[in-house]
Amino acid sequence: MGWKTASLIISNVTTVDAEKLLQELGIEQFKKTGDEPYDVAIYPKEQQIFVGIYHQHLVISSWQITELSFSKELSKYEQVLTALFPASEICTMQLHSGVNHWGYALIKNGEKIRVRCGNADEGTIIDFGEPLQEELALLSKSKLEGEKRMYYLDGKEPYEECQVGENFVAEIYKRYTGVNLFEDDGIFEFNLMGFETPKPGSVKKPLSTSTLTTKKPWWKIW
């Protein structure tokens, strides 16, 4: 099964004013579009943003907000979120099965501690920080062969890292819910508030950060 997602999980958040949050992030031009289940919100269109609370964690689905997360530095959105939720972990997750794109980035105590992402064409593009507990089981089934890490999940056929990227993302999700993403039926049924920006790029500078140059994401090839 192929998966597509562009979401953040911000831990230990019990309530949120979604409209105020978007304004804090510098997204001042938006309109409400109605609630949608995460089954829909998990893969938002480029101009869509979904916000909701699931098991006392804040969930935000947005390509716009997640697309800058895969570097060692905090993105302009992450800078705002760490200021708003200083005691929370902030985890970005992306998947797009069409190009075997996968990625996750974790912020703890205001600092990036882990970033990994890649795709079929370019392989693993960034691998920053020490492996998380949630990664160890999969990593234990791998070995370096030349410059590539190959995975032997069934003990026979080898898989490239881009082919198991979605498995890593699903396990990182488990860090917050105790359940692998692919096995958590509940998250796909919970509703999020939907918003839409009028056009790509209708985003002002986040209120709490200085102006940063936004480049086209390396993965946006579909």
N, C-alpha and C. Protein backbone atom coordinates (compact mmCIF):
# COMPACT_ATOMS: atom_id res chain seq x y z
N MET A 1 0.85 -1.20 0.00
CA MET A 1 0.00 0.00 0.00
C MET A 1 0.88 1.24 0.00
N GLY A 2 0.54 2.23 -0.82
CA GLY A 2 1.29 3.46 -0.83
C GLY A 2 0.72 4.46 0.14
N TRP A 3 1.60 5.29 0.70
CA TRP A 3 1.18 6.28 1.69
C TRP A 3 1.63 7.66 1.28
N LYS A 4 0.81 8.65 1.64
CA LYS A 4 1.16 10.05 1.42
C LYS A 4 0.76 10.83 2.67
N THR A 5 1.67 11.61 3.18
CA THR A 5 1.33 12.43 4.34
C THR A 5 2.27 13.62 4.43
N ALA A 6 1.79 14.66 5.07
CA ALA A 6 2.60 15.84 5.38
C ALA A 6 2.04 16.41 6.68
N SER A 7 2.56 15.94 7.80
CA SER A 7 1.99 16.30 9.10
C SER A 7 3.06 16.59 10.13
N LEU A 8 2.67 17.40 11.12
CA LEU A 8 3.47 17.59 12.32
C LEU A 8 2.67 17.08 13.51
N ILE A 9 3.39 16.52 14.48
CA ILE A 9 2.81 16.19 15.77
C ILE A 9 3.55 17.01 16.82
N ILE A 10 2.81 17.74 17.63
CA ILE A 10 3.39 18.53 18.72
C ILE A 10 2.86 17.93 20.01
N SER A 11 3.75 17.39 20.82
CA SER A 11 3.34 16.58 21.96
C SER A 11 2.76 17.40 23.10
N ASN A 12 1.88 16.75 23.85
CA ASN A 12 1.33 17.28 25.10
C ASN A 12 0.66 18.65 24.93
N VAL A 13 -0.24 18.71 23.98
CA VAL A 13 -1.06 19.91 23.75
C VAL A 13 -2.52 19.47 23.85
N THR A 14 -3.27 20.09 24.75
CA THR A 14 -4.65 19.64 24.99
C THR A 14 -5.70 20.54 24.33
N THR A 15 -5.32 21.75 23.97
CA THR A 15 -6.28 22.65 23.33
C THR A 15 -5.53 23.61 22.41
N VAL A 16 -6.22 24.12 21.40
CA VAL A 16 -5.58 25.04 20.47
C VAL A 16 -6.63 25.95 19.85
N ASP A 17 -6.28 27.20 19.68
CA ASP A 17 -7.05 28.14 18.88
C ASP A 17 -6.43 28.11 17.49
N ALA A 18 -7.04 27.36 16.60
CA ALA A 18 -6.43 27.10 15.30
C ALA A 18 -6.19 28.37 14.49
N GLU A 19 -7.14 29.29 14.51
CA GLU A 19 -6.98 30.51 13.72
C GLU A 19 -5.84 31.37 14.27
N LYS A 20 -5.77 31.47 15.59
CA LYS A 20 -4.68 32.24 16.19
C LYS A 20 -3.34 31.59 15.90
N LEU A 21 -3.29 30.26 15.92
CA LEU A 21 -2.06 29.56 15.61
C LEU A 21 -1.57 29.87 14.20
N LEU A 22 -2.47 29.84 13.23
CA LEU A 22 -2.08 30.16 11.86
C LEU A 22 -1.56 31.58 11.75
N GLN A 23 -2.19 32.50 12.47
CA GLN A 23 -1.72 33.89 12.46
C GLN A 23 -0.33 34.00 13.08
N GLU A 24 -0.09 33.28 14.15
CA GLU A 24 1.24 33.29 14.77
C GLU A 24 2.30 32.77 13.80
N LEU A 25 1.89 31.82 12.97
CA LEU A 25 2.81 31.26 11.98
C LEU A 25 3.00 32.16 10.77
N GLY A 26 2.30 33.29 10.76
CA GLY A 26 2.42 34.22 9.65
C GLY A 26 1.47 33.94 8.51
N ILE A 27 0.56 33.00 8.70
CA ILE A 27 -0.42 32.65 7.67
C ILE A 27 -1.69 33.43 7.97
N GLU A 28 -1.78 34.62 7.44
CA GLU A 28 -2.88 35.52 7.80
C GLU A 28 -4.02 35.51 6.78
N GLN A 29 -3.78 35.00 5.60
CA GLN A 29 -4.83 34.92 4.59
C GLN A 29 -5.29 33.47 4.47
N PHE A 30 -6.43 33.19 5.06
CA PHE A 30 -6.97 31.84 5.00
C PHE A 30 -8.47 31.90 5.21
N LYS A 31 -9.13 30.83 4.84
CA LYS A 31 -10.57 30.71 5.09
C LYS A 31 -10.86 29.31 5.61
N LYS A 32 -11.90 29.21 6.43
CA LYS A 32 -12.32 27.91 6.93
C LYS A 32 -12.97 27.11 5.80
N THR A 33 -12.71 25.83 5.80
CA THR A 33 -13.30 24.97 4.77
C THR A 33 -14.10 23.82 5.36
N GLY A 34 -14.20 23.76 6.68
CA GLY A 34 -14.95 22.67 7.31
C GLY A 34 -14.05 21.57 7.82
N ASP A 35 -14.60 20.76 8.71
CA ASP A 35 -13.84 19.67 9.30
C ASP A 35 -13.70 18.51 8.31
N GLU A 36 -12.58 17.81 8.46
CA GLU A 36 -12.34 16.60 7.67
C GLU A 36 -11.68 15.55 8.57
N PRO A 37 -11.96 14.27 8.34
CA PRO A 37 -11.25 13.23 9.09
C PRO A 37 -9.80 13.17 8.64
N TYR A 38 -8.95 12.64 9.51
CA TYR A 38 -7.54 12.57 9.16
C TYR A 38 -7.31 11.68 7.95
N ASP A 39 -8.23 10.79 7.67
CA ASP A 39 -8.14 9.98 6.47
C ASP A 39 -8.04 10.85 5.21
N VAL A 40 -8.64 12.03 5.26
CA VAL A 40 -8.55 13.02 4.19
C VAL A 40 -7.40 13.99 4.45
N ALA A 41 -7.31 14.46 5.69
CA ALA A 41 -6.34 15.50 6.05
C ALA A 41 -4.90 15.00 6.03
N ILE A 42 -4.68 13.71 6.10
CA ILE A 42 -3.33 13.17 6.12
C ILE A 42 -2.54 13.59 4.88
N TYR A 43 -3.24 13.78 3.77
CA TYR A 43 -2.59 14.18 2.52
C TYR A 43 -3.25 15.44 1.99
N PRO A 44 -2.90 16.59 2.55
CA PRO A 44 -3.55 17.84 2.15
C PRO A 44 -3.09 18.31 0.78
N LYS A 45 -3.95 19.05 0.11
CA LYS A 45 -3.52 19.72 -1.10
C LYS A 45 -2.57 20.86 -0.72
N GLU A 46 -1.87 21.40 -1.70
CA GLU A 46 -0.83 22.38 -1.41
C GLU A 46 -1.36 23.58 -0.64
N GLN A 47 -2.60 23.99 -0.88
CA GLN A 47 -3.14 25.18 -0.24
C GLN A 47 -3.95 24.87 1.02
N GLN A 48 -4.03 23.61 1.39
CA GLN A 48 -4.83 23.23 2.55
C GLN A 48 -3.99 23.11 3.82
N ILE A 49 -4.62 23.43 4.95
CA ILE A 49 -4.02 23.25 6.27
C ILE A 49 -5.09 22.67 7.18
N PHE A 50 -4.74 21.63 7.92
CA PHE A 50 -5.66 21.02 8.87
C PHE A 50 -5.04 21.04 10.26
N VAL A 51 -5.87 21.32 11.26
CA VAL A 51 -5.40 21.44 12.64
C VAL A 51 -6.35 20.69 13.56
N GLY A 52 -5.81 19.86 14.46
CA GLY A 52 -6.65 19.14 15.40
C GLY A 52 -5.84 18.60 16.57
N ILE A 53 -6.55 18.10 17.58
CA ILE A 53 -5.93 17.50 18.76
C ILE A 53 -6.27 16.02 18.78
N TYR A 54 -5.24 15.18 18.87
CA TYR A 54 -5.45 13.73 18.93
C TYR A 54 -4.64 13.16 20.08
N HIS A 55 -5.33 12.55 21.03
CA HIS A 55 -4.68 11.94 22.20
C HIS A 55 -3.72 12.93 22.88
N GLN A 56 -4.18 14.15 23.06
CA GLN A 56 -3.43 15.21 23.73
C GLN A 56 -2.15 15.60 22.98
N HIS A 57 -2.20 15.46 21.68
CA HIS A 57 -1.12 15.94 20.82
C HIS A 57 -1.73 16.80 19.72
N LEU A 58 -1.07 17.91 19.40
CA LEU A 58 -1.52 18.78 18.32
C LEU A 58 -1.04 18.21 16.99
N VAL A 59 -1.96 18.06 16.06
CA VAL A 59 -1.64 17.56 14.72
C VAL A 59 -1.91 18.66 13.71
N ILE A 60 -0.92 18.95 12.88
CA ILE A 60 -1.06 19.93 11.80
C ILE A 60 -0.69 19.23 10.50
N SER A 61 -1.58 19.25 9.53
CA SER A 61 -1.29 18.69 8.21
C SER A 61 -1.16 19.82 7.21
N SER A 62 0.00 19.93 6.59
CA SER A 62 0.25 21.02 5.64
C SER A 62 1.58 20.79 4.93
N TRP A 63 1.56 20.77 3.60
CA TRP A 63 2.83 20.75 2.86
C TRP A 63 3.59 22.05 3.11
N GLN A 64 2.85 23.14 3.14
CA GLN A 64 3.44 24.46 3.29
C GLN A 64 4.29 24.57 4.56
N ILE A 65 3.79 24.02 5.65
CA ILE A 65 4.47 24.14 6.93
C ILE A 65 5.56 23.08 7.10
N THR A 66 5.33 21.88 6.55
CA THR A 66 6.30 20.80 6.75
C THR A 66 7.46 20.81 5.77
N GLU A 67 7.32 21.47 4.64
CA GLU A 67 8.29 21.31 3.56
C GLU A 67 9.69 21.84 3.87
N LEU A 68 9.82 22.69 4.88
CA LEU A 68 11.12 23.28 5.18
C LEU A 68 11.82 22.61 6.37
N SER A 69 11.27 21.51 6.86
CA SER A 69 11.75 20.92 8.11
C SER A 69 13.01 20.07 7.96
N PHE A 70 13.36 19.67 6.74
CA PHE A 70 14.38 18.64 6.59
C PHE A 70 15.79 19.22 6.40
N SER A 71 16.22 19.93 7.44
CA SER A 71 17.58 20.44 7.52
C SER A 71 17.98 20.48 8.98
N LYS A 72 19.25 20.73 9.26
CA LYS A 72 19.72 20.77 10.64
C LYS A 72 19.19 21.98 11.39
N GLU A 73 18.86 23.04 10.66
CA GLU A 73 18.39 24.27 11.29
C GLU A 73 16.87 24.24 11.43
N LEU A 74 16.37 25.03 12.37
CA LEU A 74 14.93 25.18 12.52
C LEU A 74 14.38 26.01 11.37
N SER A 75 13.29 25.56 10.79
CA SER A 75 12.63 26.36 9.76
C SER A 75 11.96 27.56 10.41
N LYS A 76 11.49 28.49 9.59
CA LYS A 76 10.81 29.67 10.14
C LYS A 76 9.55 29.27 10.90
N TYR A 77 8.88 28.22 10.46
CA TYR A 77 7.69 27.76 11.18
C TYR A 77 8.09 27.05 12.48
N GLU A 78 9.13 26.26 12.41
CA GLU A 78 9.59 25.56 13.61
C GLU A 78 10.06 26.52 14.69
N GLN A 79 10.66 27.62 14.29
CA GLN A 79 11.08 28.62 15.28
C GLN A 79 9.88 29.15 16.06
N VAL A 80 8.79 29.40 15.35
CA VAL A 80 7.58 29.89 16.01
C VAL A 80 6.99 28.81 16.91
N LEU A 81 6.91 27.59 16.40
CA LEU A 81 6.31 26.50 17.16
C LEU A 81 7.09 26.18 18.43
N THR A 82 8.42 26.24 18.37
CA THR A 82 9.20 25.98 19.57
C THR A 82 9.01 27.08 20.60
N ALA A 83 8.76 28.31 20.14
CA ALA A 83 8.48 29.41 21.08
C ALA A 83 7.10 29.25 21.70
N LEU A 84 6.13 28.79 20.92
CA LEU A 84 4.77 28.62 21.42
C LEU A 84 4.63 27.39 22.32
N PHE A 85 5.41 26.34 22.03
CA PHE A 85 5.30 25.08 22.77
C PHE A 85 6.69 24.62 23.22
N PRO A 86 7.31 25.37 24.13
CA PRO A 86 8.70 25.10 24.50
C PRO A 86 8.93 23.76 25.19
N ALA A 87 7.91 23.21 25.83
CA ALA A 87 8.07 21.94 26.55
C ALA A 87 7.68 20.73 25.69
N SER A 88 7.29 20.97 24.46
CA SER A 88 6.80 19.89 23.59
C SER A 88 7.87 19.41 22.62
N GLU A 89 7.77 18.14 22.23
CA GLU A 89 8.50 17.68 21.07
C GLU A 89 7.72 18.07 19.83
N ILE A 90 8.43 18.39 18.78
CA ILE A 90 7.80 18.74 17.50
C ILE A 90 8.36 17.81 16.45
N CYS A 91 7.49 17.00 15.88
CA CYS A 91 7.93 15.98 14.93
C CYS A 91 7.23 16.18 13.59
N THR A 92 8.02 16.34 12.55
CA THR A 92 7.51 16.45 11.19
C THR A 92 7.64 15.11 10.49
N MET A 93 6.60 14.73 9.75
CA MET A 93 6.62 13.47 9.00
C MET A 93 6.08 13.73 7.60
N GLN A 94 6.79 13.21 6.61
CA GLN A 94 6.32 13.30 5.23
C GLN A 94 6.50 11.96 4.52
N LEU A 95 5.55 11.65 3.66
CA LEU A 95 5.64 10.49 2.78
C LEU A 95 4.99 10.83 1.45
N HIS A 96 5.56 10.34 0.37
CA HIS A 96 4.90 10.37 -0.93
C HIS A 96 5.37 9.14 -1.69
N SER A 97 4.50 8.14 -1.76
CA SER A 97 4.88 6.85 -2.32
C SER A 97 5.22 6.93 -3.81
N GLY A 98 4.68 7.94 -4.51
CA GLY A 98 4.92 8.05 -5.93
C GLY A 98 6.38 8.18 -6.31
N VAL A 99 7.17 8.80 -5.44
CA VAL A 99 8.61 8.96 -5.69
C VAL A 99 9.43 8.37 -4.54
N ASN A 100 8.79 7.52 -3.73
CA ASN A 100 9.45 6.96 -2.54
C ASN A 100 10.06 8.06 -1.67
N HIS A 101 9.38 9.19 -1.60
CA HIS A 101 9.84 10.27 -0.72
C HIS A 101 9.44 9.95 0.71
N TRP A 102 10.36 10.12 1.63
CA TRP A 102 10.10 9.88 3.04
C TRP A 102 10.95 10.84 3.87
N GLY A 103 10.48 11.17 5.04
CA GLY A 103 11.28 12.04 5.89
C GLY A 103 10.65 12.24 7.25
N TYR A 104 11.50 12.47 8.23
CA TYR A 104 11.04 12.85 9.56
C TYR A 104 12.10 13.72 10.22
N ALA A 105 11.63 14.63 11.05
CA ALA A 105 12.51 15.57 11.75
C ALA A 105 11.95 15.76 13.15
N LEU A 106 12.82 15.69 14.15
CA LEU A 106 12.38 15.77 15.54
C LEU A 106 13.10 16.90 16.27
N ILE A 107 12.32 17.74 16.93
CA ILE A 107 12.83 18.83 17.76
C ILE A 107 12.51 18.50 19.21
N LYS A 108 13.51 18.63 20.07
CA LYS A 108 13.33 18.41 21.50
C LYS A 108 14.08 19.50 22.26
N ASN A 109 13.42 20.09 23.24
CA ASN A 109 14.01 21.19 24.00
C ASN A 109 14.49 22.31 23.08
N GLY A 110 13.74 22.56 22.03
CA GLY A 110 14.03 23.66 21.13
C GLY A 110 15.14 23.41 20.13
N GLU A 111 15.67 22.17 20.06
CA GLU A 111 16.77 21.87 19.16
C GLU A 111 16.45 20.69 18.27
N LYS A 112 16.92 20.74 17.02
CA LYS A 112 16.80 19.60 16.12
C LYS A 112 17.73 18.50 16.62
N ILE A 113 17.17 17.34 16.90
CA ILE A 113 18.02 16.24 17.35
C ILE A 113 18.09 15.11 16.33
N ARG A 114 17.16 15.06 15.39
CA ARG A 114 17.18 13.98 14.41
C ARG A 114 16.48 14.44 13.14
N VAL A 115 17.13 14.22 11.99
CA VAL A 115 16.54 14.53 10.69
C VAL A 115 16.98 13.45 9.71
N ARG A 116 16.02 12.86 9.03
CA ARG A 116 16.33 11.90 7.96
C ARG A 116 15.31 12.08 6.85
N CYS A 117 15.77 12.02 5.63
CA CYS A 117 14.84 12.04 4.50
C CYS A 117 15.55 11.59 3.24
N GLY A 118 14.76 11.20 2.26
CA GLY A 118 15.32 10.78 1.00
C GLY A 118 14.22 10.46 0.00
N ASN A 119 14.64 9.97 -1.16
CA ASN A 119 13.69 9.56 -2.19
C ASN A 119 14.37 8.57 -3.13
N ALA A 120 13.61 8.04 -4.07
CA ALA A 120 14.12 7.00 -4.95
C ALA A 120 15.26 7.49 -5.83
N ASP A 121 15.16 8.71 -6.33
CA ASP A 121 16.17 9.22 -7.26
C ASP A 121 17.48 9.57 -6.59
N GLU A 122 17.40 10.15 -5.40
CA GLU A 122 18.60 10.69 -4.75
C GLU A 122 19.07 9.88 -3.55
N GLY A 123 18.35 8.84 -3.20
CA GLY A 123 18.74 8.07 -2.04
C GLY A 123 18.47 8.83 -0.76
N THR A 124 19.24 8.54 0.27
CA THR A 124 19.10 9.24 1.54
C THR A 124 19.85 10.56 1.45
N ILE A 125 19.15 11.65 1.62
CA ILE A 125 19.71 12.99 1.39
C ILE A 125 20.31 13.58 2.65
N ILE A 126 19.67 13.36 3.78
CA ILE A 126 20.21 13.85 5.04
C ILE A 126 19.97 12.80 6.12
N ASP A 127 20.98 12.58 6.95
CA ASP A 127 20.89 11.66 8.08
C ASP A 127 21.64 12.34 9.23
N PHE A 128 20.89 13.12 9.99
CA PHE A 128 21.48 13.98 11.03
C PHE A 128 21.02 13.53 12.40
N GLY A 129 21.96 13.47 13.34
CA GLY A 129 21.63 13.13 14.71
C GLY A 129 21.76 11.64 15.00
N GLU A 130 21.61 11.29 16.27
CA GLU A 130 21.71 9.91 16.69
C GLU A 130 20.39 9.18 16.46
N PRO A 131 20.45 7.89 16.12
CA PRO A 131 19.20 7.13 15.92
C PRO A 131 18.31 7.16 17.16
N LEU A 132 17.03 7.26 16.92
CA LEU A 132 16.04 7.23 17.99
C LEU A 132 15.70 5.78 18.34
N GLN A 133 15.17 5.59 19.53
CA GLN A 133 14.79 4.25 19.96
C GLN A 133 13.86 3.59 18.95
N GLU A 134 12.98 4.38 18.38
CA GLU A 134 11.99 3.85 17.44
C GLU A 134 12.60 3.37 16.12
N GLU A 135 13.84 3.76 15.84
CA GLU A 135 14.50 3.36 14.60
C GLU A 135 15.29 2.07 14.74
N LEU A 136 15.61 1.69 15.96
CA LEU A 136 16.62 0.65 16.18
C LEU A 136 16.23 -0.71 15.62
N ALA A 137 14.97 -1.09 15.75
CA ALA A 137 14.55 -2.41 15.26
C ALA A 137 14.77 -2.53 13.75
N LEU A 138 14.41 -1.50 13.00
CA LEU A 138 14.62 -1.53 11.56
C LEU A 138 16.10 -1.47 11.21
N LEU A 139 16.84 -0.61 11.89
CA LEU A 139 18.27 -0.49 11.61
C LEU A 139 19.01 -1.80 11.90
N SER A 140 18.52 -2.56 12.86
CA SER A 140 19.17 -3.83 13.20
C SER A 140 19.04 -4.85 12.08
N LYS A 141 18.12 -4.61 11.15
CA LYS A 141 17.92 -5.52 10.03
C LYS A 141 18.61 -5.01 8.77
N SER A 142 19.56 -4.11 8.94
CA SER A 142 20.24 -3.51 7.79
C SER A 142 21.75 -3.69 7.89
N LYS A 143 22.40 -3.48 6.75
CA LYS A 143 23.86 -3.46 6.74
C LYS A 143 24.32 -2.62 5.56
N LEU A 144 25.50 -2.03 5.72
CA LEU A 144 26.07 -1.23 4.65
C LEU A 144 26.66 -2.13 3.58
N GLU A 145 26.30 -1.85 2.34
CA GLU A 145 26.85 -2.57 1.20
C GLU A 145 27.38 -1.52 0.24
N GLY A 146 28.69 -1.32 0.28
CA GLY A 146 29.28 -0.21 -0.45
C GLY A 146 28.88 1.10 0.20
N GLU A 147 28.25 1.99 -0.55
CA GLU A 147 27.80 3.26 -0.01
C GLU A 147 26.32 3.25 0.35
N LYS A 148 25.66 2.12 0.16
CA LYS A 148 24.23 2.04 0.43
C LYS A 148 23.94 1.17 1.64
N ARG A 149 22.91 1.55 2.38
CA ARG A 149 22.42 0.71 3.46
C ARG A 149 21.24 -0.10 2.93
N MET A 150 21.37 -1.41 3.03
CA MET A 150 20.34 -2.32 2.55
C MET A 150 19.64 -2.98 3.73
N TYR A 151 18.35 -3.23 3.56
CA TYR A 151 17.52 -3.77 4.64
C TYR A 151 17.01 -5.15 4.26
N TYR A 152 17.08 -6.06 5.22
CA TYR A 152 16.63 -7.43 5.02
C TYR A 152 15.48 -7.69 5.99
N LEU A 153 14.31 -7.17 5.65
CA LEU A 153 13.17 -7.22 6.56
C LEU A 153 12.60 -8.63 6.69
N ASP A 154 12.65 -9.39 5.61
CA ASP A 154 12.12 -10.75 5.65
C ASP A 154 13.23 -11.79 5.63
N GLY A 155 14.48 -11.30 5.76
CA GLY A 155 15.61 -12.21 5.79
C GLY A 155 16.10 -12.66 4.44
N LYS A 156 15.43 -12.25 3.37
CA LYS A 156 15.80 -12.72 2.04
C LYS A 156 16.05 -11.56 1.09
N GLU A 157 14.97 -10.98 0.58
CA GLU A 157 15.10 -9.94 -0.44
C GLU A 157 15.59 -8.64 0.18
N PRO A 158 16.65 -8.02 -0.37
CA PRO A 158 17.13 -6.75 0.17
C PRO A 158 16.28 -5.58 -0.32
N TYR A 159 16.12 -4.58 0.54
CA TYR A 159 15.40 -3.36 0.20
C TYR A 159 16.32 -2.16 0.38
N GLU A 160 16.21 -1.20 -0.55
CA GLU A 160 16.94 0.05 -0.36
C GLU A 160 16.24 0.90 0.69
N GLU A 161 16.97 1.89 1.22
CA GLU A 161 16.42 2.69 2.31
C GLU A 161 15.15 3.42 1.89
N CYS A 162 15.08 3.88 0.66
CA CYS A 162 13.88 4.59 0.22
C CYS A 162 12.66 3.69 0.21
N GLN A 163 12.88 2.38 0.13
CA GLN A 163 11.77 1.44 0.11
C GLN A 163 11.23 1.14 1.51
N VAL A 164 12.01 1.45 2.53
CA VAL A 164 11.56 1.22 3.91
C VAL A 164 11.38 2.54 4.66
N GLY A 165 11.48 3.65 3.95
CA GLY A 165 11.31 4.96 4.60
C GLY A 165 9.96 5.09 5.28
N GLU A 166 8.90 4.57 4.63
CA GLU A 166 7.57 4.68 5.24
C GLU A 166 7.48 3.86 6.52
N ASN A 167 8.26 2.77 6.61
CA ASN A 167 8.28 1.99 7.84
C ASN A 167 8.89 2.79 8.99
N PHE A 168 9.95 3.55 8.69
CA PHE A 168 10.56 4.40 9.71
C PHE A 168 9.58 5.47 10.17
N VAL A 169 8.90 6.11 9.23
CA VAL A 169 7.95 7.16 9.59
C VAL A 169 6.84 6.59 10.47
N ALA A 170 6.35 5.42 10.13
CA ALA A 170 5.28 4.79 10.91
C ALA A 170 5.74 4.48 12.33
N GLU A 171 7.01 4.12 12.50
CA GLU A 171 7.54 3.82 13.83
C GLU A 171 7.78 5.09 14.63
N ILE A 172 8.21 6.16 13.97
CA ILE A 172 8.39 7.43 14.67
C ILE A 172 7.05 7.93 15.19
N TYR A 173 6.00 7.75 14.41
CA TYR A 173 4.65 8.12 14.85
C TYR A 173 4.30 7.40 16.15
N LYS A 174 4.72 6.17 16.28
CA LYS A 174 4.44 5.35 17.47
C LYS A 174 5.00 5.97 18.73
N ARG A 175 6.00 6.81 18.60
CA ARG A 175 6.61 7.50 19.75
C ARG A 175 5.56 8.28 20.54
N TYR A 176 4.52 8.75 19.86
CA TYR A 176 3.53 9.63 20.48
C TYR A 176 2.21 8.93 20.82
N THR A 177 1.90 7.87 20.15
CA THR A 177 0.61 7.21 20.37
C THR A 177 0.74 5.79 20.91
N GLY A 178 1.94 5.24 20.82
CA GLY A 178 2.13 3.85 21.22
C GLY A 178 1.69 2.85 20.18
N VAL A 179 1.22 3.35 19.04
CA VAL A 179 0.72 2.49 17.97
C VAL A 179 1.37 2.90 16.65
N ASN A 180 1.81 1.93 15.88
CA ASN A 180 2.33 2.19 14.54
C ASN A 180 1.28 2.91 13.70
N LEU A 181 1.70 3.88 12.90
CA LEU A 181 0.77 4.66 12.09
C LEU A 181 -0.14 3.78 11.25
N PHE A 182 0.42 2.73 10.67
CA PHE A 182 -0.36 1.88 9.78
C PHE A 182 -1.39 1.03 10.53
N GLU A 183 -1.26 0.98 11.85
CA GLU A 183 -2.16 0.14 12.66
C GLU A 183 -3.11 0.96 13.52
N ASP A 184 -3.01 2.28 13.48
CA ASP A 184 -3.83 3.14 14.33
C ASP A 184 -5.08 3.58 13.58
N ASP A 185 -6.12 2.77 13.67
CA ASP A 185 -7.36 3.11 12.96
C ASP A 185 -8.00 4.38 13.51
N GLY A 186 -7.79 4.65 14.79
CA GLY A 186 -8.43 5.80 15.42
C GLY A 186 -8.04 7.13 14.82
N ILE A 187 -6.78 7.28 14.43
CA ILE A 187 -6.34 8.59 13.94
C ILE A 187 -7.01 8.93 12.61
N PHE A 188 -7.35 7.95 11.83
CA PHE A 188 -7.95 8.22 10.53
C PHE A 188 -9.41 8.65 10.64
N GLU A 189 -9.98 8.47 11.82
CA GLU A 189 -11.38 8.82 12.03
C GLU A 189 -11.57 10.14 12.77
N PHE A 190 -10.52 10.66 13.41
CA PHE A 190 -10.70 11.89 14.17
C PHE A 190 -10.72 13.10 13.24
N ASN A 191 -11.52 14.11 13.59
CA ASN A 191 -11.71 15.26 12.72
C ASN A 191 -10.74 16.39 13.04
N LEU A 192 -10.30 17.07 11.99
CA LEU A 192 -9.46 18.25 12.10
C LEU A 192 -10.18 19.43 11.47
N MET A 193 -9.88 20.63 11.94
CA MET A 193 -10.41 21.85 11.33
C MET A 193 -9.65 22.14 10.04
N GLY A 194 -10.39 22.42 8.98
CA GLY A 194 -9.77 22.66 7.70
C GLY A 194 -9.71 24.13 7.33
N PHE A 195 -8.59 24.52 6.71
CA PHE A 195 -8.39 25.89 6.24
C PHE A 195 -7.75 25.83 4.86
N GLU A 196 -7.90 26.92 4.13
CA GLU A 196 -7.30 27.01 2.80
C GLU A 196 -6.73 28.40 2.60
N THR A 197 -5.50 28.46 2.11
CA THR A 197 -4.91 29.74 1.74
C THR A 197 -5.32 30.06 0.31
N PRO A 198 -5.46 31.35 -0.05
CA PRO A 198 -5.98 31.70 -1.37
C PRO A 198 -5.09 31.30 -2.53
N LYS A 199 -3.80 31.21 -2.29
CA LYS A 199 -2.89 30.82 -3.36
C LYS A 199 -1.56 30.45 -2.72
N PRO A 200 -0.75 29.62 -3.41
CA PRO A 200 0.58 29.32 -2.89
C PRO A 200 1.39 30.59 -2.71
N GLY A 201 2.07 30.68 -1.60
CA GLY A 201 2.90 31.85 -1.35
C GLY A 201 2.18 32.98 -0.66
N SER A 202 0.92 32.78 -0.24
CA SER A 202 0.19 33.85 0.44
C SER A 202 0.51 33.82 1.93
N VAL A 203 1.78 33.70 2.23
CA VAL A 203 2.22 33.55 3.61
C VAL A 203 3.13 34.71 3.97
N LYS A 204 2.81 35.39 5.03
CA LYS A 204 3.64 36.48 5.51
C LYS A 204 4.69 35.94 6.47
N LYS A 205 5.62 36.79 6.85
CA LYS A 205 6.66 36.42 7.79
C LYS A 205 6.04 36.01 9.11
N PRO A 206 6.43 34.83 9.67
CA PRO A 206 5.94 34.47 11.00
C PRO A 206 6.23 35.58 12.00
N LEU A 207 5.31 35.81 12.89
CA LEU A 207 5.39 36.95 13.79
C LEU A 207 6.61 36.93 14.68
N SER A 208 7.12 35.74 14.99
CA SER A 208 8.19 35.64 15.98
C SER A 208 9.57 35.44 15.37
N THR A 209 9.71 35.53 14.05
CA THR A 209 11.00 35.26 13.43
C THR A 209 11.37 36.37 12.47
N SER A 210 12.64 36.39 12.11
CA SER A 210 13.11 37.33 11.10
C SER A 210 12.83 36.76 9.72
N THR A 211 12.92 37.59 8.70
CA THR A 211 12.64 37.15 7.34
C THR A 211 13.67 36.14 6.89
N LEU A 212 13.19 35.03 6.34
CA LEU A 212 14.06 33.99 5.82
C LEU A 212 13.73 33.77 4.36
N THR A 213 14.73 33.39 3.56
CA THR A 213 14.51 33.10 2.16
C THR A 213 13.94 31.71 2.02
N THR A 214 12.83 31.57 1.31
CA THR A 214 12.20 30.27 1.10
C THR A 214 12.56 29.77 -0.29
N LYS A 215 13.23 28.60 -0.34
CA LYS A 215 13.60 28.00 -1.60
C LYS A 215 12.62 26.88 -1.95
N LYS A 216 12.53 26.56 -3.23
CA LYS A 216 11.68 25.45 -3.64
C LYS A 216 12.23 24.17 -3.04
N PRO A 217 11.39 23.37 -2.37
CA PRO A 217 11.87 22.14 -1.76
C PRO A 217 12.47 21.20 -2.80
N TRP A 218 13.54 20.49 -2.40
CA TRP A 218 14.21 19.59 -3.33
C TRP A 218 13.32 18.44 -3.76
N TRP A 219 12.33 18.07 -2.89
CA TRP A 219 11.54 16.89 -3.18
C TRP A 219 10.32 17.19 -4.04
N LYS A 220 10.00 18.44 -4.27
CA LYS A 220 8.73 18.76 -4.94
C LYS A 220 8.88 18.57 -6.45
N ILE A 221 8.79 17.32 -6.88
CA ILE A 221 8.97 17.00 -8.30
C ILE A 221 7.73 16.34 -8.88
N TRP A 222 6.65 16.21 -8.07
CA TRP A 222 5.44 15.59 -8.61
C TRP A 222 4.37 16.61 -8.88
